[in-house]
Amino acid sequence: MQISNKLSYESEIELSYEKPFGIYIHIPFCANKCRYCDFYSCRYKKSLVEKYFEALFIELENMLSSVQKKLIRSVYFGGGTPSLISSEYIFKILKKIKKNFNYPPNMEITLEANPDSLSQKRLVNYRQVGINRLSLGVQSFDDNILKFLGRKSSSKKNKIKIELVKKYFNNYSLDIIFAVPGQTMDDFCCDLNTAISFSPTHLSLYNLQIEEGTEIYNDLVKGKIKKFDQELDASMYKKAVSLLKDCGYKHYEISNFAKNGYRAIHNYLYWDFTPYLALGPSASGFDGKTRYTNTADLNDYIDMIFKSGFPEREYTVLSLKDLAAEYSFLNLRKKSGLSRLLFKKQFYINFDDLYKEEIKKLMKLELIYEQNGRIFLSERGKLLGNEVFAHFLP
């Protein structure tokens, strides 16, 4: 779908991997499935892990022809539970990447980790092979909440493992889930204050999203639990924003807070509309105009790569209206907001030519505001982000 006849992907919009980009690698293995998780994962099995990494190396090798020697800014190992995997596999992947790409000396290399899967030896090994940032899925320090979420760790173990992480990594993030059925404001404040007490460089806060197909969703359908009160959800979020600001954390994206200089570089690439490569089952990548998603079935992923060198993929070629919409709501997620000038530079069209009426509606609802040529989410808009973003969809 074209915005106007004068626009074309090839001639007027900067595409592909000419800017520094990121690489996402999906590690699908988990010790168990959490009750709230709808991401693709499978049980850890040594023989399957070996086959998976053999296939992953083939996928990476076959993607190099179009991006070799390009400049990358970050590598992110997500999951699943990447911290279940031996550092030898991580080392081999990073060695292959560093051999075939240009990268800055301070390239961010993140590994997602569950506290219960970490040990002193594993942390030392991860650091030695090049991991320089950990993203810890703590989720809570309340044993009742951890049990409800299906986490295998405990409050005590979480605290012990964070102290261990601090000995080997200066840069680490903690994930906290809030708005959990049965959770009170006091419970949440206790969780947040405990997280802050460890002085992590980064915090990500997510209100619990009950997704279809999860155990918690099934409990909701059966009437075993009730939906969380929206007003309390909003109050928790406002409390977190205020408390974290007082503690020196910058609120740079709706769900993310960082100490000065510790913004998540890889995740920011997504919000900054920067292309990124993605490898592994269910991984999704973006080249500037097309999104692709690998098959989510691990056995299919492995079989297809062994047969053809590439996994089965679903490709979505985005129209210019699609691209403009994604650019808009991704930038609105950021504290820096959406620049009218940069929008025109990106798409060669004025922002109001596409979204004049939508902007009027959102301003009337006090969900956004404008300042110095930039559009920002209001505090209320941050609470109702999905409602705001829906106004930009074609």
Protein backbone atom coordinates (compact mmCIF):
# COMPACT_ATOMS: atom_id res chain seq x y z
CA MET A 1 0.00 0.00 0.00
CA GLN A 2 1.62 3.23 -1.17
CA ILE A 3 1.21 6.58 0.57
CA SER A 4 1.78 8.48 -2.65
CA ASN A 5 3.05 7.75 -6.13
CA LYS A 6 6.32 9.57 -5.54
CA LEU A 7 7.34 7.27 -2.71
CA SER A 8 9.25 4.05 -3.25
CA TYR A 9 11.17 1.77 -0.93
CA GLU A 10 14.34 1.64 -2.95
CA SER A 11 14.85 5.29 -3.84
CA GLU A 12 13.63 7.36 -0.96
CA ILE A 13 13.70 5.49 2.34
CA GLU A 14 16.92 4.31 3.91
CA LEU A 15 16.70 0.56 4.25
CA SER A 16 18.60 -2.62 4.99
CA TYR A 17 21.59 -2.96 7.26
CA GLU A 18 23.56 0.19 6.42
CA LYS A 19 23.19 1.59 9.93
CA PRO A 20 24.70 -0.23 12.93
CA PHE A 21 22.23 -2.98 13.83
CA GLY A 22 21.67 -5.70 16.39
CA ILE A 23 21.59 -9.50 16.32
CA TYR A 24 19.01 -11.45 18.32
CA ILE A 25 19.58 -15.17 18.98
CA HIS A 26 16.75 -17.22 20.41
CA ILE A 27 17.66 -20.01 22.81
CA PRO A 28 14.38 -21.95 23.18
CA PHE A 29 15.24 -24.28 26.04
CA CYS A 30 13.66 -24.05 29.50
CA ALA A 31 13.77 -26.23 32.60
CA ASN A 32 10.00 -25.70 32.91
CA LYS A 33 7.23 -23.55 31.43
CA CYS A 34 6.13 -20.61 33.59
CA ARG A 35 2.37 -20.24 34.06
CA TYR A 36 2.23 -16.82 32.36
CA CYS A 37 4.62 -17.43 29.46
CA ASP A 38 3.41 -17.57 25.86
CA PHE A 39 6.87 -17.45 24.23
CA TYR A 40 8.05 -20.49 22.31
CA SER A 41 10.18 -22.82 24.43
CA CYS A 42 10.87 -26.52 24.90
CA ARG A 43 12.36 -28.78 27.54
CA TYR A 44 16.13 -28.85 27.83
CA LYS A 45 17.57 -32.05 26.36
CA LYS A 46 21.29 -32.40 25.69
CA SER A 47 21.01 -34.25 22.37
CA LEU A 48 18.47 -31.70 21.10
CA VAL A 49 20.66 -28.79 22.24
CA GLU A 50 23.57 -30.15 20.19
CA LYS A 51 21.42 -30.48 17.05
CA TYR A 52 19.94 -27.04 17.60
CA PHE A 53 23.30 -25.28 17.74
CA GLU A 54 24.51 -27.20 14.70
CA ALA A 55 21.49 -25.84 12.82
CA LEU A 56 21.92 -22.35 14.29
CA PHE A 57 25.49 -22.13 12.97
CA ILE A 58 24.27 -23.09 9.51
CA GLU A 59 21.57 -20.40 9.62
CA LEU A 60 24.12 -17.79 10.72
CA GLU A 61 26.62 -18.84 8.05
CA ASN A 62 24.01 -18.62 5.30
CA MET A 63 22.88 -15.15 6.37
CA LEU A 64 26.38 -13.71 6.19
CA SER A 65 26.48 -13.09 2.44
CA SER A 66 24.19 -10.05 2.65
CA VAL A 67 25.50 -8.55 5.90
CA GLN A 68 29.13 -9.62 6.25
CA LYS A 69 31.49 -6.90 7.55
CA LYS A 70 28.57 -4.62 8.39
CA LEU A 71 28.71 -2.77 11.69
CA ILE A 72 26.76 -4.30 14.56
CA ARG A 73 25.99 -2.58 17.85
CA SER A 74 24.67 -5.40 20.02
CA VAL A 75 24.11 -9.12 20.41
CA TYR A 76 21.23 -10.42 22.53
CA PHE A 77 20.71 -14.02 23.66
CA GLY A 78 17.02 -14.36 24.57
CA GLY A 79 14.76 -17.24 25.35
CA GLY A 80 13.70 -19.54 26.71
CA THR A 81 16.45 -19.66 29.28
CA PRO A 82 19.84 -18.97 27.68
CA SER A 83 21.55 -19.39 31.06
CA LEU A 84 20.87 -23.15 30.82
CA ILE A 85 23.33 -23.31 27.94
CA SER A 86 27.03 -24.05 28.25
CA SER A 87 29.31 -21.07 27.71
CA GLU A 88 31.11 -23.10 25.00
CA TYR A 89 28.15 -22.61 22.65
CA ILE A 90 28.00 -18.90 23.46
CA PHE A 91 31.73 -18.59 22.82
CA LYS A 92 31.49 -20.26 19.39
CA ILE A 93 28.60 -18.04 18.32
CA LEU A 94 30.34 -14.86 19.43
CA LYS A 95 33.58 -15.95 17.79
CA LYS A 96 31.72 -16.44 14.49
CA ILE A 97 29.97 -13.08 14.81
CA LYS A 98 33.11 -11.14 15.69
CA LYS A 99 34.99 -12.74 12.80
CA ASN A 100 32.38 -11.71 10.24
CA PHE A 101 31.12 -8.33 11.46
CA ASN A 102 32.62 -5.02 12.44
CA TYR A 103 31.78 -3.95 15.97
CA PRO A 104 32.80 -1.32 18.53
CA PRO A 105 35.02 -2.34 21.46
CA ASN A 106 32.13 -1.67 23.85
CA MET A 107 29.55 -3.71 21.93
CA GLU A 108 26.71 -4.70 24.26
CA ILE A 109 26.37 -8.49 24.59
CA THR A 110 23.39 -9.48 26.72
CA LEU A 111 22.34 -12.86 28.03
CA GLU A 112 18.94 -13.47 29.59
CA ALA A 113 19.17 -15.55 32.74
CA ASN A 114 16.98 -17.16 35.36
CA PRO A 115 18.54 -16.81 38.83
CA ASP A 116 18.06 -20.49 39.67
CA SER A 117 20.17 -21.59 36.69
CA LEU A 118 23.20 -19.48 37.62
CA SER A 119 26.29 -20.62 39.51
CA GLN A 120 29.65 -19.02 40.24
CA LYS A 121 31.34 -21.18 37.60
CA ARG A 122 28.72 -20.37 34.98
CA LEU A 123 28.95 -16.63 35.65
CA VAL A 124 32.74 -16.70 35.41
CA ASN A 125 32.55 -18.61 32.12
CA TYR A 126 29.95 -16.28 30.61
CA ARG A 127 32.07 -13.28 31.46
CA GLN A 128 35.20 -14.91 30.01
CA VAL A 129 33.54 -15.67 26.66
CA GLY A 130 32.34 -12.10 26.20
CA ILE A 131 28.96 -11.59 27.88
CA ASN A 132 29.04 -8.11 29.43
CA ARG A 133 25.40 -7.64 30.44
CA LEU A 134 22.89 -9.93 32.16
CA SER A 135 19.11 -9.58 32.10
CA LEU A 136 17.80 -11.41 35.16
CA GLY A 137 14.24 -12.70 35.16
CA VAL A 138 13.71 -12.29 38.88
CA GLN A 139 10.01 -11.30 38.46
CA SER A 140 9.38 -11.01 42.22
CA PHE A 141 10.81 -11.39 45.71
CA ASP A 142 7.50 -12.60 47.10
CA ASP A 143 7.28 -16.40 47.41
CA ASN A 144 3.51 -16.40 46.94
CA ILE A 145 3.78 -14.43 43.71
CA LEU A 146 6.65 -16.58 42.46
CA LYS A 147 4.55 -19.69 43.08
CA PHE A 148 1.55 -18.15 41.30
CA LEU A 149 3.73 -17.30 38.28
CA GLY A 150 5.16 -20.81 38.19
CA ARG A 151 8.70 -19.73 38.94
CA LYS A 152 10.97 -22.39 40.46
CA SER A 153 13.15 -19.96 42.36
CA SER A 154 12.38 -18.48 45.76
CA SER A 155 12.78 -15.02 47.26
CA LYS A 156 15.82 -16.18 49.23
CA LYS A 157 17.45 -17.80 46.17
CA ASN A 158 16.78 -14.71 44.03
CA LYS A 159 18.57 -12.50 46.54
CA ILE A 160 21.52 -14.88 46.86
CA LYS A 161 21.94 -15.15 43.09
CA ILE A 162 21.77 -11.37 42.56
CA GLU A 163 24.57 -10.90 45.10
CA LEU A 164 26.55 -13.51 43.19
CA VAL A 165 25.91 -11.75 39.87
CA LYS A 166 27.15 -8.45 41.34
CA LYS A 167 30.59 -10.02 41.93
CA TYR A 168 31.11 -10.65 38.22
CA PHE A 169 28.91 -8.18 36.31
CA ASN A 170 28.71 -4.43 36.75
CA ASN A 171 25.94 -4.15 34.17
CA TYR A 172 22.81 -6.15 34.88
CA SER A 173 19.07 -5.65 34.67
CA LEU A 174 16.26 -6.99 36.84
CA ASP A 175 12.82 -7.87 35.42
CA ILE A 176 9.90 -7.34 37.80
CA ILE A 177 6.28 -8.33 37.12
CA PHE A 178 3.48 -6.44 38.87
CA ALA A 179 -0.34 -6.32 38.82
CA VAL A 180 -0.44 -10.01 39.72
CA PRO A 181 -3.84 -11.25 40.98
CA GLY A 182 -3.88 -10.99 44.76
CA GLN A 183 -0.97 -8.52 44.90
CA THR A 184 -1.46 -5.42 47.05
CA MET A 185 0.23 -2.02 46.79
CA ASP A 186 2.30 -2.90 49.87
CA ASP A 187 3.38 -6.16 48.21
CA PHE A 188 4.48 -4.29 45.10
CA CYS A 189 6.35 -1.58 47.03
CA CYS A 190 8.18 -4.28 48.95
CA ASP A 191 9.18 -5.99 45.69
CA LEU A 192 10.33 -2.73 44.12
CA ASN A 193 12.27 -1.55 47.16
CA THR A 194 13.99 -4.93 47.38
CA ALA A 195 15.00 -4.69 43.73
CA ILE A 196 16.31 -1.13 44.21
CA SER A 197 18.31 -2.20 47.27
CA PHE A 198 20.61 -4.23 44.99
CA SER A 199 21.32 -1.09 42.93
CA PRO A 200 20.98 -2.73 39.49
CA THR A 201 22.02 -0.61 36.53
CA HIS A 202 18.69 -1.26 34.84
CA LEU A 203 15.14 -2.25 35.76
CA SER A 204 12.29 -3.46 33.54
CA LEU A 205 8.76 -3.40 34.98
CA TYR A 206 5.92 -5.26 33.29
CA ASN A 207 2.32 -5.53 34.40
CA LEU A 208 1.17 -9.12 34.05
CA GLN A 209 -0.37 -9.77 30.65
CA ILE A 210 -2.63 -12.82 30.74
CA GLU A 211 -2.18 -14.40 27.32
CA GLU A 212 -4.46 -17.00 25.78
CA GLY A 213 -3.09 -20.53 26.04
CA THR A 214 -1.21 -20.00 29.29
CA GLU A 215 -2.06 -21.72 32.59
CA ILE A 216 -3.00 -18.41 34.18
CA TYR A 217 -5.36 -17.66 31.28
CA ASN A 218 -7.04 -21.02 31.82
CA ASP A 219 -7.50 -20.18 35.50
CA LEU A 220 -9.09 -16.87 34.50
CA VAL A 221 -11.51 -18.58 32.10
CA LYS A 222 -12.48 -21.11 34.80
CA GLY A 223 -13.13 -18.31 37.28
CA LYS A 224 -10.33 -19.38 39.62
CA ILE A 225 -8.82 -15.87 39.48
CA LYS A 226 -10.12 -12.40 38.65
CA LYS A 227 -8.71 -9.74 36.38
CA PHE A 228 -6.48 -7.29 38.19
CA ASP A 229 -8.02 -3.95 39.14
CA GLN A 230 -7.00 -1.39 36.49
CA GLU A 231 -6.90 1.51 38.92
CA LEU A 232 -4.55 -0.36 41.25
CA ASP A 233 -2.44 -1.36 38.23
CA ALA A 234 -2.15 2.33 37.27
CA SER A 235 -1.35 3.35 40.86
CA MET A 236 1.45 0.78 41.03
CA TYR A 237 2.95 2.07 37.80
CA LYS A 238 2.79 5.70 38.97
CA LYS A 239 4.38 4.73 42.28
CA ALA A 240 7.21 2.94 40.47
CA VAL A 241 7.89 5.89 38.16
CA SER A 242 8.09 8.27 41.13
CA LEU A 243 10.18 6.01 43.35
CA LEU A 244 12.67 5.07 40.64
CA LYS A 245 13.11 8.73 39.67
CA ASP A 246 13.92 9.57 43.29
CA CYS A 247 16.49 6.75 43.27
CA GLY A 248 18.33 8.08 40.22
CA TYR A 249 16.84 5.93 37.47
CA LYS A 250 15.93 7.54 34.15
CA HIS A 251 12.57 6.50 32.73
CA TYR A 252 13.64 6.26 29.09
CA GLU A 253 10.90 3.93 27.76
CA ILE A 254 7.44 2.99 29.00
CA SER A 255 8.60 -0.14 30.89
CA ASN A 256 12.31 0.56 31.28
CA PHE A 257 14.44 2.50 33.75
CA ALA A 258 18.21 2.89 33.77
CA LYS A 259 21.01 4.55 35.65
CA ASN A 260 22.92 7.12 33.64
CA GLY A 261 24.82 5.43 30.82
CA TYR A 262 23.12 2.03 31.20
CA ARG A 263 20.21 2.21 28.78
CA ALA A 264 19.60 -1.17 27.08
CA ILE A 265 21.28 -0.64 23.72
CA HIS A 266 19.83 -3.68 21.99
CA ASN A 267 16.23 -3.06 23.03
CA TYR A 268 16.58 0.60 22.13
CA LEU A 269 17.38 -0.46 18.56
CA TYR A 270 13.87 -1.92 18.34
CA TRP A 271 12.24 1.28 19.60
CA ASP A 272 14.49 3.36 17.34
CA PHE A 273 13.19 1.52 14.24
CA THR A 274 16.64 0.08 13.50
CA PRO A 275 16.92 -3.16 11.46
CA TYR A 276 18.08 -6.29 13.27
CA LEU A 277 18.90 -9.88 12.42
CA ALA A 278 17.17 -12.69 14.28
CA LEU A 279 18.14 -16.36 14.43
CA GLY A 280 16.56 -19.43 15.99
CA PRO A 281 13.04 -20.87 16.18
CA SER A 282 10.26 -18.26 16.47
CA ALA A 283 12.79 -15.41 16.17
CA SER A 284 11.61 -12.32 14.28
CA GLY A 285 13.89 -9.96 12.33
CA PHE A 286 13.46 -6.70 10.43
CA ASP A 287 15.45 -5.35 7.45
CA GLY A 288 13.83 -1.93 7.20
CA LYS A 289 10.84 -2.88 5.06
CA THR A 290 10.22 -6.58 5.69
CA ARG A 291 9.65 -8.52 8.88
CA TYR A 292 10.37 -12.22 8.95
CA THR A 293 9.57 -14.84 11.57
CA ASN A 294 11.21 -18.24 11.72
CA THR A 295 9.09 -21.33 12.27
CA ALA A 296 8.35 -21.80 15.96
CA ASP A 297 8.74 -25.57 16.00
CA LEU A 298 12.26 -26.58 16.98
CA ASN A 299 12.23 -29.90 15.12
CA ASP A 300 10.90 -28.23 11.96
CA TYR A 301 13.54 -25.52 12.34
CA ILE A 302 16.35 -28.07 12.55
CA ASP A 303 15.00 -30.28 9.73
CA MET A 304 14.54 -27.39 7.29
CA ILE A 305 18.01 -26.00 7.92
CA PHE A 306 19.62 -29.39 7.41
CA LYS A 307 17.70 -29.74 4.13
CA SER A 308 17.94 -26.24 2.65
CA GLY A 309 20.22 -24.12 4.81
CA PHE A 310 17.39 -21.87 6.00
CA PRO A 311 14.40 -22.39 8.30
CA GLU A 312 10.84 -22.01 7.09
CA ARG A 313 9.96 -18.32 7.43
CA GLU A 314 6.92 -16.12 7.22
CA TYR A 315 7.65 -12.81 5.50
CA THR A 316 5.59 -9.64 5.84
CA VAL A 317 6.42 -6.82 3.43
CA LEU A 318 5.31 -3.64 5.15
CA SER A 319 3.59 -0.90 3.20
CA LEU A 320 4.70 2.67 3.75
CA LYS A 321 1.66 3.23 5.94
CA ASP A 322 2.62 0.17 7.96
CA LEU A 323 6.17 1.47 8.33
CA ALA A 324 4.97 4.94 9.30
CA ALA A 325 2.63 3.48 11.91
CA GLU A 326 5.34 1.31 13.48
CA TYR A 327 7.81 4.17 13.45
CA SER A 328 5.28 6.39 15.19
CA PHE A 329 4.24 4.16 18.06
CA LEU A 330 7.73 2.79 18.64
CA ASN A 331 9.05 6.35 19.01
CA LEU A 332 6.16 7.28 21.28
CA ARG A 333 7.30 4.54 23.67
CA LYS A 334 10.51 6.48 24.26
CA LYS A 335 10.98 9.39 26.64
CA SER A 336 12.38 11.41 23.71
CA GLY A 337 9.03 11.08 21.91
CA LEU A 338 8.21 11.38 18.23
CA SER A 339 9.94 14.12 16.24
CA ARG A 340 7.94 15.63 13.38
CA LEU A 341 11.20 16.64 11.67
CA LEU A 342 12.72 13.16 11.86
CA PHE A 343 9.45 11.61 10.69
CA LYS A 344 9.53 13.76 7.55
CA LYS A 345 13.21 12.95 7.03
CA GLN A 346 12.41 9.24 7.27
CA PHE A 347 9.27 9.14 5.10
CA TYR A 348 9.37 12.32 2.96
CA ILE A 349 5.89 13.33 4.09
CA ASN A 350 4.54 15.56 6.84
CA PHE A 351 3.31 13.78 9.95
CA ASP A 352 -0.03 15.64 9.82
CA ASP A 353 -0.65 14.46 6.28
CA LEU A 354 -1.16 11.02 7.75
CA TYR A 355 -2.24 11.50 11.34
CA LYS A 356 -3.77 14.96 11.76
CA GLU A 357 -7.18 13.68 12.89
CA GLU A 358 -5.70 10.97 15.11
CA ILE A 359 -3.49 13.53 16.87
CA LYS A 360 -6.49 15.79 17.48
CA LYS A 361 -8.43 12.91 19.05
CA LEU A 362 -5.55 11.81 21.26
CA MET A 363 -4.84 15.34 22.45
CA LYS A 364 -8.50 15.84 23.28
CA LEU A 365 -8.35 12.63 25.33
CA GLU A 366 -5.19 14.00 27.02
CA LEU A 367 -3.25 10.89 26.04
CA ILE A 368 -0.51 12.82 24.24
CA TYR A 369 0.94 16.35 24.19
CA GLU A 370 3.31 18.28 21.95
CA GLN A 371 6.38 20.32 22.81
CA ASN A 372 9.01 21.86 20.49
CA GLY A 373 7.98 19.79 17.48
CA ARG A 374 7.91 16.51 19.40
CA ILE A 375 4.89 14.46 20.45
CA PHE A 376 4.94 12.66 23.78
CA LEU A 377 2.73 10.28 25.70
CA SER A 378 1.14 11.93 28.71
CA GLU A 379 1.31 10.14 32.06
CA ARG A 380 -2.20 8.83 31.33
CA GLY A 381 -1.09 7.90 27.82
CA LYS A 382 1.69 5.73 29.21
CA LEU A 383 -0.89 3.77 31.17
CA LEU A 384 -3.04 3.34 28.05
CA GLY A 385 -0.24 2.89 25.53
CA ASN A 386 -1.91 0.17 23.46
CA GLU A 387 -5.01 2.32 23.11
CA VAL A 388 -2.86 5.19 21.84
CA PHE A 389 -0.87 3.02 19.43
CA ALA A 390 -4.03 1.57 17.89
CA HIS A 391 -4.86 5.02 16.47
CA PHE A 392 -1.83 4.79 14.16
CA LEU A 393 -2.57 1.40 12.64
CA PRO A 394 -3.63 1.42 8.95
